[in-house]
N, C-alpha and C. Protein backbone atom coordinates (compact mmCIF):
# COMPACT_ATOMS: atom_id res chain seq x y z
N MET A 1 0.83 -1.19 0.05
CA MET A 1 -0.17 0.05 0.04
C MET A 1 0.72 1.23 0.10
N SER A 2 0.69 2.12 -0.83
CA SER A 2 1.44 3.33 -0.99
C SER A 2 0.95 4.35 -0.13
N HIS A 3 1.90 5.25 0.68
CA HIS A 3 1.43 6.11 1.78
C HIS A 3 1.19 7.65 0.94
N PRO A 4 0.45 8.36 1.75
CA PRO A 4 0.38 9.86 1.25
C PRO A 4 1.86 10.25 1.32
N PRO A 5 2.15 11.23 0.53
CA PRO A 5 3.55 12.01 0.24
C PRO A 5 4.09 12.62 1.54
N TYR A 6 3.13 12.94 2.62
CA TYR A 6 3.75 13.44 3.74
C TYR A 6 4.06 12.46 4.80
N LEU A 7 3.79 11.30 4.41
CA LEU A 7 4.30 10.16 5.51
C LEU A 7 5.52 9.27 4.95
N ARG A 8 6.51 9.02 5.97
CA ARG A 8 7.51 8.08 5.56
C ARG A 8 7.76 7.01 6.69
N ALA A 9 7.72 5.90 6.26
CA ALA A 9 7.39 4.87 7.44
C ALA A 9 9.00 4.71 7.93
N LEU A 10 9.09 4.35 9.26
CA LEU A 10 10.38 4.13 9.94
C LEU A 10 10.00 2.73 10.60
N PRO A 11 11.10 1.92 10.92
CA PRO A 11 10.94 0.85 11.55
C PRO A 11 10.02 0.54 12.96
N ASP A 12 10.26 1.72 13.68
CA ASP A 12 9.15 1.71 14.70
C ASP A 12 8.39 3.00 14.77
N GLY A 13 7.96 3.71 13.86
CA GLY A 13 7.08 4.79 13.69
C GLY A 13 7.05 5.35 12.20
N VAL A 14 6.77 6.75 12.38
CA VAL A 14 6.57 7.37 11.06
C VAL A 14 6.99 8.75 11.11
N PHE A 15 7.69 9.33 10.17
CA PHE A 15 8.06 10.71 9.84
C PHE A 15 6.82 11.51 9.21
N LEU A 16 6.47 12.43 9.88
CA LEU A 16 5.20 13.19 9.39
C LEU A 16 5.62 14.62 8.87
N SER A 17 5.61 14.94 7.49
CA SER A 17 5.88 16.32 7.23
C SER A 17 4.74 17.30 7.20
N VAL A 18 4.78 18.39 7.87
CA VAL A 18 3.51 19.39 7.94
C VAL A 18 3.95 20.86 7.75
N LYS A 19 2.90 21.51 7.06
CA LYS A 19 3.25 22.82 7.02
C LYS A 19 2.26 23.45 8.10
N VAL A 20 2.72 24.18 9.04
CA VAL A 20 2.00 24.90 10.13
C VAL A 20 1.60 26.18 9.75
N GLN A 21 0.16 26.18 10.20
CA GLN A 21 -0.38 27.59 9.91
C GLN A 21 -0.85 28.05 11.41
N PRO A 22 0.30 28.96 12.00
CA PRO A 22 0.01 29.55 13.18
C PRO A 22 -1.30 30.54 13.28
N ARG A 23 -1.92 30.99 14.35
CA ARG A 23 -2.80 31.91 14.64
C ARG A 23 -4.03 31.74 13.95
N ALA A 24 -4.36 30.20 13.61
CA ALA A 24 -5.74 30.01 13.02
C ALA A 24 -6.83 30.33 13.70
N SER A 25 -8.13 30.15 13.25
CA SER A 25 -9.28 30.32 14.10
C SER A 25 -9.55 29.15 14.95
N ARG A 26 -9.03 28.00 14.60
CA ARG A 26 -9.43 26.71 15.29
C ARG A 26 -8.20 25.57 14.87
N ASN A 27 -7.97 24.76 15.71
CA ASN A 27 -6.94 23.72 15.46
C ASN A 27 -7.51 22.88 14.41
N GLN A 28 -6.95 22.50 13.15
CA GLN A 28 -7.52 21.53 12.26
C GLN A 28 -6.21 20.90 11.22
N ILE A 29 -6.92 19.84 10.63
CA ILE A 29 -6.04 19.34 9.69
C ILE A 29 -6.41 19.87 8.32
N GLY A 30 -5.69 20.55 7.63
CA GLY A 30 -6.14 21.25 6.37
C GLY A 30 -5.97 20.56 5.20
N GLY A 31 -5.44 19.38 4.93
CA GLY A 31 -5.17 18.62 3.66
C GLY A 31 -3.99 18.68 3.22
N LEU A 32 -3.79 18.50 1.92
CA LEU A 32 -2.42 18.25 1.23
C LEU A 32 -1.96 19.78 0.83
N HIS A 33 -0.71 20.10 1.02
CA HIS A 33 -0.11 21.10 0.65
C HIS A 33 1.10 20.82 0.29
N GLY A 34 1.36 20.57 -1.24
CA GLY A 34 2.53 20.14 -1.77
C GLY A 34 2.74 18.68 -1.42
N ASP A 35 3.90 18.45 -0.81
CA ASP A 35 4.23 17.07 -0.13
C ASP A 35 3.94 17.05 1.32
N GLU A 36 3.26 17.93 1.90
CA GLU A 36 3.21 18.21 3.29
C GLU A 36 1.69 18.42 3.63
N LEU A 37 1.29 17.87 4.87
CA LEU A 37 0.09 18.04 5.48
C LEU A 37 -0.12 19.34 6.05
N LYS A 38 -1.11 20.14 5.72
CA LYS A 38 -1.34 21.42 6.25
C LYS A 38 -1.95 21.07 7.83
N VAL A 39 -1.34 21.90 8.73
CA VAL A 39 -2.05 21.79 10.08
C VAL A 39 -2.14 23.18 10.44
N ALA A 40 -3.40 23.42 10.78
CA ALA A 40 -3.54 24.79 11.43
C ALA A 40 -3.78 24.77 12.94
N VAL A 41 -3.13 25.80 13.64
CA VAL A 41 -3.39 25.77 15.14
C VAL A 41 -3.66 27.09 15.59
N THR A 42 -4.38 27.27 16.62
CA THR A 42 -4.57 28.74 17.05
C THR A 42 -3.48 29.62 17.83
N ALA A 43 -2.52 28.62 18.23
CA ALA A 43 -1.16 29.21 19.02
C ALA A 43 -0.70 30.16 18.11
N PRO A 44 0.15 31.19 18.65
CA PRO A 44 0.83 31.97 17.91
C PRO A 44 2.25 31.59 17.72
N PRO A 45 3.01 32.07 16.62
CA PRO A 45 4.34 31.47 16.57
C PRO A 45 5.46 31.96 17.36
N VAL A 46 5.22 32.05 18.74
CA VAL A 46 6.05 32.84 19.63
C VAL A 46 6.51 31.65 20.64
N ASP A 47 7.86 31.84 20.99
CA ASP A 47 8.23 30.89 22.11
C ASP A 47 8.04 29.42 21.98
N SER A 48 7.98 29.05 20.77
CA SER A 48 7.57 27.47 20.63
C SER A 48 6.07 27.12 20.81
N ALA A 49 5.37 28.13 21.19
CA ALA A 49 3.96 27.88 21.19
C ALA A 49 3.28 27.17 20.46
N ALA A 50 3.45 27.61 19.12
CA ALA A 50 2.74 26.80 17.88
C ALA A 50 3.35 25.46 17.92
N ASN A 51 4.61 25.32 18.03
CA ASN A 51 5.20 23.90 17.76
C ASN A 51 4.60 23.07 19.02
N GLN A 52 4.29 23.47 20.37
CA GLN A 52 3.83 22.72 21.32
C GLN A 52 2.45 22.51 20.97
N ALA A 53 1.52 23.29 20.39
CA ALA A 53 0.26 23.15 20.05
C ALA A 53 0.08 22.06 18.97
N VAL A 54 1.02 21.93 18.03
CA VAL A 54 1.04 21.14 16.98
C VAL A 54 1.27 19.60 17.59
N VAL A 55 2.27 19.43 18.38
CA VAL A 55 2.47 18.36 19.05
C VAL A 55 1.29 17.80 19.83
N GLU A 56 0.49 18.86 20.60
CA GLU A 56 -0.52 18.25 21.43
C GLU A 56 -1.73 17.96 20.44
N PHE A 57 -1.80 18.60 19.43
CA PHE A 57 -2.93 18.29 18.37
C PHE A 57 -2.76 17.13 17.60
N LEU A 58 -1.49 16.83 17.28
CA LEU A 58 -1.34 15.51 16.58
C LEU A 58 -1.41 14.40 17.48
N ALA A 59 -1.04 14.47 18.76
CA ALA A 59 -1.10 13.42 19.78
C ALA A 59 -2.41 12.97 19.97
N GLU A 60 -3.42 14.03 20.15
CA GLU A 60 -4.72 14.12 20.44
C GLU A 60 -5.44 13.44 19.31
N THR A 61 -5.22 13.88 17.78
CA THR A 61 -5.93 13.38 16.72
C THR A 61 -5.52 11.97 16.57
N LEU A 62 -4.21 11.42 16.65
CA LEU A 62 -3.85 10.25 16.44
C LEU A 62 -3.75 9.17 17.54
N GLY A 63 -4.32 9.68 18.62
CA GLY A 63 -4.61 8.91 20.05
C GLY A 63 -3.28 8.44 20.41
N LEU A 64 -2.13 9.35 20.42
CA LEU A 64 -0.85 8.82 20.90
C LEU A 64 -0.43 9.74 21.97
N PRO A 65 0.31 9.19 23.15
CA PRO A 65 0.75 9.98 24.08
C PRO A 65 1.68 11.04 23.64
N ARG A 66 1.61 12.22 24.35
CA ARG A 66 2.42 13.56 23.87
C ARG A 66 4.00 13.07 23.65
N ARG A 67 4.52 12.21 24.42
CA ARG A 67 5.92 11.97 24.30
C ARG A 67 6.19 11.09 23.13
N SER A 68 5.17 10.44 22.28
CA SER A 68 5.36 9.74 21.06
C SER A 68 5.46 10.86 20.07
N VAL A 69 5.26 12.03 20.10
CA VAL A 69 5.24 12.90 19.06
C VAL A 69 6.41 13.99 19.24
N THR A 70 7.42 13.77 18.32
CA THR A 70 8.39 14.58 18.59
C THR A 70 8.72 15.42 17.53
N LEU A 71 9.24 16.69 17.46
CA LEU A 71 9.71 17.37 16.40
C LEU A 71 11.18 17.55 16.12
N VAL A 72 11.20 16.79 15.02
CA VAL A 72 12.59 16.49 14.48
C VAL A 72 13.32 17.62 13.58
N ARG A 73 12.63 18.26 12.98
CA ARG A 73 13.08 19.26 11.98
C ARG A 73 12.28 20.49 11.93
N GLY A 74 12.66 21.62 11.72
CA GLY A 74 11.95 22.98 11.46
C GLY A 74 11.46 23.55 12.67
N GLN A 75 12.19 23.68 13.59
CA GLN A 75 12.01 24.62 14.98
C GLN A 75 11.46 25.72 14.84
N THR A 76 12.01 26.48 13.88
CA THR A 76 11.76 28.10 13.57
C THR A 76 11.05 28.19 12.10
N SER A 77 10.65 27.26 11.59
CA SER A 77 10.29 27.14 10.15
C SER A 77 8.69 26.84 10.33
N ARG A 78 7.90 27.13 9.27
CA ARG A 78 6.66 26.64 9.18
C ARG A 78 6.32 25.09 8.46
N HIS A 79 7.55 24.59 7.99
CA HIS A 79 7.62 23.30 7.40
C HIS A 79 8.47 22.59 8.34
N LYS A 80 7.77 21.70 9.03
CA LYS A 80 8.39 20.63 10.01
C LYS A 80 8.23 19.32 9.80
N VAL A 81 8.93 18.68 10.24
CA VAL A 81 8.86 17.17 10.33
C VAL A 81 8.67 16.60 11.83
N PHE A 82 7.88 15.85 11.91
CA PHE A 82 7.57 15.30 13.51
C PHE A 82 7.69 13.69 13.29
N CYS A 83 8.48 12.99 14.31
CA CYS A 83 8.44 11.66 14.49
C CYS A 83 7.43 11.19 15.23
N LEU A 84 6.66 10.25 14.79
CA LEU A 84 5.52 9.61 15.67
C LEU A 84 5.89 8.16 15.90
N ASP A 85 6.10 7.99 17.43
CA ASP A 85 6.49 6.56 17.58
C ASP A 85 5.39 5.75 17.87
N GLY A 86 5.52 4.34 17.72
CA GLY A 86 4.55 3.39 17.81
C GLY A 86 3.08 3.37 17.23
N ILE A 87 3.41 4.01 15.91
CA ILE A 87 2.35 3.78 15.07
C ILE A 87 2.73 3.82 13.51
N THR A 88 1.80 3.00 12.77
CA THR A 88 2.25 2.73 11.49
C THR A 88 1.65 3.82 10.45
N ALA A 89 2.24 3.80 9.32
CA ALA A 89 2.06 4.88 8.17
C ALA A 89 0.46 4.67 8.10
N GLU A 90 -0.05 3.49 7.93
CA GLU A 90 -1.60 3.23 7.58
C GLU A 90 -2.32 3.62 8.44
N GLN A 91 -1.91 3.40 9.90
CA GLN A 91 -2.89 4.02 10.93
C GLN A 91 -2.83 5.52 10.88
N VAL A 92 -1.93 6.31 10.65
CA VAL A 92 -1.86 7.58 10.76
C VAL A 92 -2.54 8.02 9.31
N ALA A 93 -2.44 7.47 8.29
CA ALA A 93 -3.08 8.03 7.21
C ALA A 93 -4.94 7.73 7.43
N SER A 94 -5.07 6.64 7.94
CA SER A 94 -6.40 6.48 8.25
C SER A 94 -7.37 7.57 9.26
N LYS A 95 -6.15 7.63 10.26
CA LYS A 95 -6.73 8.48 11.39
C LYS A 95 -6.72 9.95 10.89
N LEU A 96 -5.87 10.40 10.03
CA LEU A 96 -6.01 11.78 9.49
C LEU A 96 -6.99 11.88 8.37
N THR A 97 -7.51 11.02 7.67
CA THR A 97 -8.37 11.20 6.81
C THR A 97 -9.89 11.10 7.08
N SER A 98 -10.09 10.26 8.34
CA SER A 98 -11.38 9.97 8.70
C SER A 98 -12.12 11.48 9.39
């Protein structure tokens, strides 16, 4: 089964590429943006508030503990890569599209 372009399977998890839209009206998954998944969060892009909001939102949406969602690239950029531990690419894809 092929994965969406924003997912990369790892032996024990998944890399998820996202484009973050801070200061949105509500937290939501926005769909495909190039090879990234667009994620809107209400938090402002100040003092890692938006990063933290994305981590919490992804953990909640995917049913993962917060410690399983790690920002691995893009600390100060809107283009970020998160590592999701203990979940498969298929599980992520089905939870994000449902």
